[in-house]
């Protein structure tokens, strides 16, 4: 069986990193499980790449904002917020 390679958009990667940075996602492992990201170091690489540029401009701050801005991601991430 051939291995399927999954590609994520830049905006999706940045959103996941911003959610981790602000605490909406409690940990990388939880993010992997909730968002069904298989690679064990995938999100870690995203954090290294995007965190410096994301920290000053965190935009998704509440569950309601995520629901309005990214309904598909919200559907997958429902129930993982610290609020």
Protein backbone atom coordinates (compact mmCIF):
# COMPACT_ATOMS: atom_id res chain seq x y z
CA UNK A 1 0.00 0.00 0.00
CA UNK A 2 1.31 3.43 -0.93
CA UNK A 3 1.75 6.01 1.84
CA UNK A 4 -0.51 9.04 1.46
CA UNK A 5 1.20 12.40 1.95
CA UNK A 6 -0.98 15.08 3.51
CA UNK A 7 -0.26 18.74 2.76
CA UNK A 8 -1.46 21.60 4.96
CA UNK A 9 -1.93 25.20 3.83
CA UNK A 10 0.23 27.95 5.27
CA UNK A 11 -2.82 29.61 6.83
CA UNK A 12 -3.82 26.34 8.54
CA UNK A 13 -0.29 25.92 9.97
CA UNK A 14 -0.26 29.50 11.24
CA UNK A 15 -3.68 29.08 12.83
CA UNK A 16 -2.62 25.94 14.71
CA UNK A 17 0.56 27.66 15.96
CA UNK A 18 -1.37 30.76 17.06
CA UNK A 19 -3.86 28.58 18.95
CA UNK A 20 -0.97 26.88 20.75
CA UNK A 21 0.76 30.19 21.48
CA UNK A 22 -2.32 31.74 23.04
CA UNK A 23 -3.30 28.60 24.95
CA UNK A 24 -6.49 27.66 23.10
CA UNK A 25 -4.83 24.32 22.40
CA UNK A 26 -3.25 23.08 25.62
CA UNK A 27 -0.40 21.05 24.07
CA UNK A 28 1.08 19.85 20.81
CA UNK A 29 0.01 16.29 21.57
CA UNK A 30 -3.58 17.38 22.18
CA UNK A 31 -3.53 19.42 18.96
CA UNK A 32 -2.30 16.36 17.04
CA UNK A 33 -5.11 14.21 18.42
CA UNK A 34 -7.92 16.72 18.02
CA UNK A 35 -6.87 17.89 14.56
CA UNK A 36 -5.92 14.38 13.40
CA UNK A 37 -2.34 15.27 12.42
CA UNK A 38 -0.38 12.04 12.14
CA UNK A 39 3.26 13.20 12.08
CA UNK A 40 4.87 13.25 15.52
CA UNK A 41 7.03 16.30 14.74
CA UNK A 42 4.81 18.09 12.22
CA UNK A 43 3.38 20.70 14.60
CA UNK A 44 6.74 21.13 16.34
CA UNK A 45 8.27 22.15 12.99
CA UNK A 46 5.40 24.60 12.42
CA UNK A 47 5.96 26.15 15.85
CA UNK A 48 9.68 26.63 15.15
CA UNK A 49 8.91 28.22 11.80
CA UNK A 50 5.88 30.41 12.58
CA UNK A 51 5.91 31.25 16.27
CA UNK A 52 8.16 34.35 16.05
CA UNK A 53 5.88 35.99 13.50
CA UNK A 54 2.63 34.87 15.12
CA UNK A 55 3.17 35.93 18.73
CA UNK A 56 2.88 39.68 18.05
CA UNK A 57 -0.33 39.32 16.02
CA UNK A 58 -2.47 36.75 17.80
CA UNK A 59 -5.93 37.15 16.35
CA UNK A 60 -8.01 34.13 17.35
CA UNK A 61 -8.50 34.72 21.06
CA UNK A 62 -11.80 33.09 21.92
CA UNK A 63 -13.81 30.05 21.02
CA UNK A 64 -16.49 32.30 19.48
CA UNK A 65 -13.94 34.01 17.22
CA UNK A 66 -12.61 30.65 16.04
CA UNK A 67 -16.16 29.46 15.36
CA UNK A 68 -16.87 32.55 13.25
CA UNK A 69 -13.52 32.71 11.43
CA UNK A 70 -12.82 29.00 10.87
CA UNK A 71 -15.99 26.90 11.27
CA UNK A 72 -14.43 23.69 9.92
CA UNK A 73 -11.47 23.87 12.30
CA UNK A 74 -13.81 24.77 15.16
CA UNK A 75 -15.89 21.68 14.44
CA UNK A 76 -12.77 19.50 14.88
CA UNK A 77 -11.40 21.42 17.86
CA UNK A 78 -14.63 21.85 19.85
CA UNK A 79 -14.19 21.29 23.58
CA UNK A 80 -10.43 21.87 23.87
CA UNK A 81 -10.46 25.50 24.92
CA UNK A 82 -9.23 26.70 28.31
CA UNK A 83 -12.10 29.15 28.71
